[in-house]
Protein backbone atom coordinates (compact mmCIF):
# COMPACT_ATOMS: atom_id res chain seq x y z
CA MET A 1 93.15 -42.53 -18.96
CA SER A 2 91.61 -45.41 -17.20
CA ALA A 3 87.58 -46.64 -18.13
CA THR A 4 84.59 -45.65 -16.03
CA PRO A 5 83.61 -49.01 -14.72
CA PRO A 6 79.81 -50.00 -16.46
CA SER A 7 78.02 -49.83 -13.51
CA ARG A 8 78.90 -46.29 -12.14
CA ARG A 9 78.69 -45.39 -15.68
CA THR A 10 75.02 -46.11 -15.83
CA THR A 11 74.36 -44.56 -12.50
CA GLN A 12 75.35 -41.56 -14.40
CA ILE A 13 73.24 -41.97 -17.03
CA GLY A 14 70.30 -42.78 -14.56
CA ALA A 15 70.98 -39.50 -12.82
CA MET A 16 71.21 -37.28 -16.00
CA ARG A 17 67.74 -38.86 -16.97
CA ARG A 18 66.22 -37.78 -14.21
CA ALA A 19 66.98 -34.79 -14.40
CA ASP A 20 66.12 -34.32 -17.86
CA GLU A 21 62.73 -35.15 -16.92
CA ALA A 22 62.36 -32.80 -13.48
CA ASP A 23 63.94 -29.77 -15.67
CA PRO A 24 64.47 -29.97 -18.83
CA GLU A 25 66.62 -26.77 -19.36
CA ALA A 26 68.34 -27.79 -15.78
CA ALA A 27 69.68 -30.69 -17.47
CA LEU A 28 71.34 -28.78 -20.81
CA ASP A 29 72.58 -25.99 -18.22
CA PRO A 30 74.67 -27.31 -15.43
CA ALA A 31 75.07 -24.18 -14.44
CA ALA A 32 71.23 -23.61 -13.82
CA ALA A 33 71.35 -27.01 -11.46
CA GLU A 34 73.58 -25.69 -9.10
CA PRO A 35 71.74 -23.36 -6.97
CA ALA A 36 73.51 -19.70 -6.47
CA SER A 37 75.57 -19.96 -2.82
CA GLU A 38 74.58 -16.54 -1.37
CA PRO A 39 76.63 -14.28 1.24
CA THR A 40 76.66 -15.20 4.50
CA GLY A 41 74.22 -13.25 6.52
CA GLU A 42 71.90 -11.21 3.53
CA ARG A 43 68.60 -12.19 3.10
CA ARG A 44 67.73 -12.48 -0.38
CA SER A 45 64.71 -11.03 -1.26
CA GLU A 46 62.20 -12.05 -4.28
CA VAL A 47 60.28 -9.50 -5.65
CA VAL A 48 57.36 -11.04 -8.32
CA ILE A 49 55.61 -8.47 -10.88
CA GLY A 50 52.87 -9.60 -12.89
CA PRO A 51 52.11 -8.77 -15.97
CA ILE A 52 50.62 -5.78 -16.26
CA GLY A 53 46.81 -5.48 -17.98
CA PRO A 54 44.72 -2.80 -18.76
CA ARG A 55 43.22 -1.01 -16.02
CA PRO A 56 39.61 -1.81 -15.75
CA ALA A 57 37.13 0.90 -16.45
CA ARG A 58 35.15 3.37 -14.16
CA ARG A 59 32.10 2.97 -13.31
CA LEU A 60 30.03 6.20 -14.29
CA GLY A 61 27.22 7.03 -11.21
CA VAL A 62 26.02 9.16 -8.24
CA GLY A 63 26.86 8.01 -5.21
CA PRO A 64 27.32 4.20 -4.57
CA PHE A 65 24.16 4.13 -7.44
CA SER A 66 25.07 3.23 -11.29
CA LEU A 67 24.65 5.36 -14.31
CA ARG A 68 21.86 2.87 -15.66
CA GLN A 69 20.08 3.20 -11.76
CA VAL A 70 20.09 7.17 -12.28
CA THR A 71 18.60 7.21 -15.55
CA ALA A 72 16.21 4.38 -14.62
CA ALA A 73 14.92 6.74 -11.74
CA ILE A 74 14.96 9.87 -13.41
CA GLY A 75 12.74 8.07 -15.79
CA VAL A 76 9.54 7.20 -13.41
CA VAL A 77 9.70 10.96 -11.85
CA VAL A 78 9.65 12.15 -15.39
CA ALA A 79 6.66 9.49 -15.80
CA GLY A 80 4.98 10.26 -12.90
CA ALA A 81 5.49 14.19 -13.68
CA LEU A 82 3.16 13.82 -16.95
CA ALA A 83 0.97 11.58 -15.44
CA LEU A 84 0.04 14.48 -13.11
CA THR A 85 -0.19 16.54 -15.67
CA LEU A 86 -2.32 14.77 -18.00
CA ALA A 87 -4.51 14.06 -14.91
CA VAL A 88 -5.38 17.64 -14.13
CA GLN A 89 -6.32 18.51 -18.41
CA PRO A 90 -9.73 18.16 -19.58
CA LEU A 91 -9.65 14.78 -22.22
CA GLY A 92 -9.04 15.59 -25.53
CA THR A 93 -11.85 14.26 -26.78
CA ILE A 94 -15.44 13.87 -25.45
CA ALA A 95 -18.04 11.19 -27.18
CA PRO A 96 -21.44 13.60 -27.87
CA GLY A 97 -23.86 13.51 -25.27
CA LEU A 98 -21.32 13.69 -22.36
CA PRO A 99 -20.49 16.05 -19.78
CA GLY A 100 -17.78 18.26 -20.82
CA PRO A 101 -15.25 19.32 -17.40
CA GLU A 102 -14.30 22.51 -17.39
CA PRO A 103 -9.94 23.36 -18.28
CA SER A 104 -9.32 23.24 -14.81
CA ALA A 105 -10.56 20.40 -13.73
CA TYR A 106 -9.40 17.89 -11.77
CA LEU A 107 -10.41 14.44 -13.65
CA LEU A 108 -10.69 11.33 -11.64
CA SER A 109 -11.97 9.23 -14.37
CA SER A 110 -13.55 9.90 -17.95
CA PRO A 111 -16.60 11.27 -18.50
CA VAL A 112 -19.85 9.47 -17.68
CA PRO A 113 -23.59 9.41 -18.48
CA GLY A 114 -24.37 11.61 -15.44
CA LEU A 115 -27.39 12.69 -13.91
CA ALA A 116 -30.32 14.81 -16.08
CA VAL A 117 -30.89 18.51 -15.67
CA GLY A 118 -34.22 18.64 -14.58
CA SER A 119 -34.48 15.40 -12.59
CA LEU A 120 -35.02 14.96 -8.77
CA ALA A 121 -31.63 15.06 -6.73
CA PRO A 122 -30.48 11.40 -5.43
CA GLU A 123 -30.92 11.48 -1.66
CA LEU A 124 -27.28 12.03 0.34
CA SER A 125 -27.52 7.94 1.29
CA GLY A 126 -28.66 4.55 -0.46
CA THR A 127 -27.91 1.27 -0.76
CA ARG A 128 -24.56 -0.53 -1.79
CA PRO A 129 -24.63 -3.56 -4.00
CA ASP A 130 -23.14 -5.63 -0.78
CA GLY A 131 -26.41 -4.25 1.12
CA THR A 132 -24.83 -1.94 3.12
CA SER A 133 -26.39 1.29 3.49
CA PHE A 134 -24.52 4.57 3.52
CA GLN A 135 -25.44 8.40 4.76
CA LEU A 136 -24.03 11.13 4.17
CA ALA A 137 -22.91 13.07 7.93
CA ASP A 138 -20.72 15.90 8.57
CA LEU A 139 -17.91 16.24 10.84
CA ASP A 140 -19.67 16.22 14.14
CA GLY A 141 -21.32 12.91 12.65
CA GLN A 142 -24.62 14.44 11.99
CA PRO A 143 -26.67 13.30 9.24
CA ILE A 144 -26.99 15.88 6.03
CA ARG A 145 -30.68 15.20 4.26
CA LEU A 146 -31.57 16.93 0.91
CA ALA A 147 -35.36 16.58 2.37
CA ASP A 148 -34.60 18.86 5.06
CA LEU A 149 -33.35 21.12 2.94
CA ARG A 150 -36.84 21.52 0.27
CA GLY A 151 -37.57 25.13 0.65
CA LYS A 152 -33.49 26.55 0.28
CA VAL A 153 -31.57 26.41 -2.81
CA VAL A 154 -29.23 23.85 -2.20
CA TRP A 155 -25.45 23.95 -3.27
CA LEU A 156 -23.51 20.74 -3.41
CA ASN A 157 -19.90 21.27 -3.98
CA PHE A 158 -17.38 17.45 -4.16
CA TRP A 159 -14.09 18.82 -3.36
CA THR A 160 -10.91 17.31 -1.60
CA SER A 161 -7.84 18.88 0.47
CA TRP A 162 -5.25 17.91 -2.26
CA CYS A 163 -7.48 19.12 -5.54
CA SER A 164 -5.37 22.42 -6.49
CA PRO A 165 -8.93 23.54 -8.42
CA CYS A 166 -10.33 23.16 -4.94
CA GLN A 167 -8.43 24.51 -3.36
CA GLN A 168 -8.28 27.75 -5.48
CA GLU A 169 -12.69 27.84 -5.52
CA THR A 170 -12.90 27.83 -2.02
CA PRO A 171 -12.28 31.40 -0.63
CA MET A 172 -15.32 31.89 -3.25
CA LEU A 173 -17.32 29.69 -1.66
CA ARG A 174 -16.97 31.00 1.68
CA THR A 175 -17.96 34.43 0.02
CA MET A 176 -21.17 32.65 -1.51
CA ASP A 177 -21.85 31.36 2.08
CA GLN A 178 -21.56 34.83 3.99
CA ALA A 179 -23.43 36.89 1.09
CA TYR A 180 -26.86 34.42 0.17
CA ARG A 181 -27.39 32.35 3.39
CA ALA A 182 -29.75 34.73 4.96
CA ALA A 183 -31.39 34.98 1.27
CA GLY A 184 -31.90 31.18 1.62
CA LEU A 185 -28.69 29.16 0.18
CA ALA A 186 -27.20 25.93 1.36
CA ILE A 187 -24.10 25.17 0.56
CA ILE A 188 -23.01 21.14 1.49
CA GLY A 189 -19.37 20.93 0.60
CA VAL A 190 -19.35 17.47 -0.22
CA GLN A 191 -15.50 15.93 1.45
CA VAL A 192 -14.52 13.25 -1.25
CA GLN A 193 -12.44 10.06 0.94
CA GLN A 194 -10.39 11.85 3.11
CA THR A 195 -11.46 11.64 7.09
CA VAL A 196 -12.61 13.83 9.23
CA ALA A 197 -9.71 15.05 10.93
CA ASP A 198 -8.66 15.85 6.96
CA GLY A 199 -12.07 18.35 7.24
CA GLN A 200 -12.11 20.02 9.92
CA ARG A 201 -7.91 20.79 9.25
CA TYR A 202 -9.17 22.32 5.67
CA VAL A 203 -12.20 23.98 8.10
CA GLN A 204 -9.46 25.92 10.30
CA THR A 205 -7.14 26.79 7.54
CA TYR A 206 -10.15 28.43 5.28
CA GLY A 207 -12.70 29.74 8.27
CA LEU A 208 -15.49 28.42 6.68
CA GLY A 209 -18.48 28.82 8.27
CA TYR A 210 -20.98 26.08 5.65
CA ARG A 211 -21.13 22.32 6.25
CA ILE A 212 -18.97 19.78 5.41
CA GLY A 213 -20.18 16.51 4.35
CA ALA A 214 -17.48 13.63 5.41
CA ASP A 215 -18.37 11.08 2.39
CA LEU A 216 -15.34 8.80 3.74
CA THR A 217 -16.37 6.07 1.12
CA GLY A 218 -17.05 7.97 -2.19
CA ASP A 219 -20.58 6.68 -1.78
CA VAL A 220 -22.15 9.60 -2.29
CA PHE A 221 -19.68 10.87 -4.67
CA ASN A 222 -20.37 7.72 -7.26
CA ARG A 223 -24.38 7.93 -6.59
CA TYR A 224 -23.96 11.68 -8.00
CA ARG A 225 -21.62 9.50 -11.13
CA GLY A 226 -18.52 12.52 -10.53
CA PHE A 227 -15.73 12.20 -12.51
CA ALA A 228 -13.86 15.32 -11.84
CA LEU A 229 -13.07 17.52 -8.57
CA PRO A 230 -15.02 20.24 -7.98
CA THR A 231 -18.09 19.21 -9.19
CA GLN A 232 -21.17 21.24 -8.84
CA PHE A 233 -24.74 20.51 -8.41
CA PHE A 234 -27.38 23.86 -7.83
CA ILE A 235 -30.44 22.04 -6.81
CA ASP A 236 -33.73 24.42 -6.45
CA GLN A 237 -36.34 24.64 -3.62
CA GLN A 238 -38.21 21.25 -4.35
CA GLY A 239 -35.27 19.15 -4.74
CA VAL A 240 -34.87 19.44 -8.41
CA ILE A 241 -31.54 19.81 -10.68
CA ARG A 242 -30.79 22.90 -12.28
CA ARG A 243 -27.59 23.53 -12.76
CA ILE A 244 -24.20 21.14 -12.89
CA VAL A 245 -20.92 22.05 -13.55
CA ASN A 246 -17.51 19.93 -13.79
CA GLY A 247 -14.79 22.30 -12.19
CA PRO A 248 -14.95 25.10 -10.72
CA LEU A 249 -16.49 28.67 -10.53
CA ASP A 250 -15.39 32.01 -10.20
CA ASP A 251 -17.31 34.94 -8.06
CA ALA A 252 -19.56 36.38 -11.12
CA ALA A 253 -19.93 32.91 -12.64
CA ALA A 254 -21.63 31.37 -9.16
CA ALA A 255 -23.52 34.36 -8.14
CA SER A 256 -24.93 34.44 -11.59
CA ILE A 257 -26.10 30.72 -10.84
CA VAL A 258 -26.73 31.53 -7.17
CA GLU A 259 -29.08 34.38 -7.90
CA GLY A 260 -31.32 33.13 -10.34
CA LEU A 261 -32.20 30.18 -8.30
CA LEU A 262 -32.88 32.63 -5.52
CA GLY A 263 -34.76 34.99 -7.80
CA LEU A 264 -33.25 37.64 -6.87
CA PRO A 265 -31.98 40.82 -9.53
CA PRO A 266 -28.25 40.37 -10.67
CA SER A 267 -26.07 42.58 -8.42
CA ALA A 268 -23.47 44.95 -8.89
CA ALA A 269 -20.81 43.23 -7.32
CA PRO A 270 -21.45 39.93 -7.46
CA GLY A 271 -20.60 38.14 -4.37
CA ALA A 272 -18.60 40.99 -2.54
CA SER A 273 -20.99 42.46 -0.63
CA GLY A 274 -24.51 39.92 -0.50
CA PRO A 275 -27.41 39.91 -2.55
CA PRO A 276 -29.49 43.99 -3.27
CA ALA A 277 -31.59 44.50 -0.78
């Protein structure tokens, strides 16, 4: 048996060391170091299967919206409905001496000290803090002045077309106008902070014959210190405030006030057939 020359032995050892460093397992397993022969004409395909992990949690929600977004949206709707409900209800506590709104009045602000019964009704015009002036005008642009209505009982009715209590009492106002205009009643419906077009549509919808004033900026409403819709001011023939009602009226209550100011005896059917002959 011939001995391997030193130079050749050194070369083999070096090759084994390099194989060791490249792939330690292959160096220990000579079969793993040699590539397996493949049958001629066949391609070898490999399928790599990765680790199987937990499936991602299914997101709960509606369509593209997450459950959190849907919950937030529902919360906003509920809060808005609650705010609207509270807005149309009277305040639970009113300080002594302040006017109390009727249960169905639509409150725009907290009750404030208003005009006193027995005082002269302010004119439907004035000056703003910035020095500019305002004058209530009707839907045709003609000014409305209380001074021109002396000798008549004036009923100022502050309202808006979106106010449900205002809508409910509008047929009653139409009836009162038809029944008592000839006896000396002048109804002025003061539309608060709405456009002239809004007022014209409302007049056509309800077939109103009494005069509508367009308080476009709310200056007249503020001058009368209003805080609820509707708000009623009854002014006698001398221009003095005789009754203030913060809320809607029914036929019987309205007829009682109007007939008292006109000096008429109570009618058998208030507001239905007009004042007695």
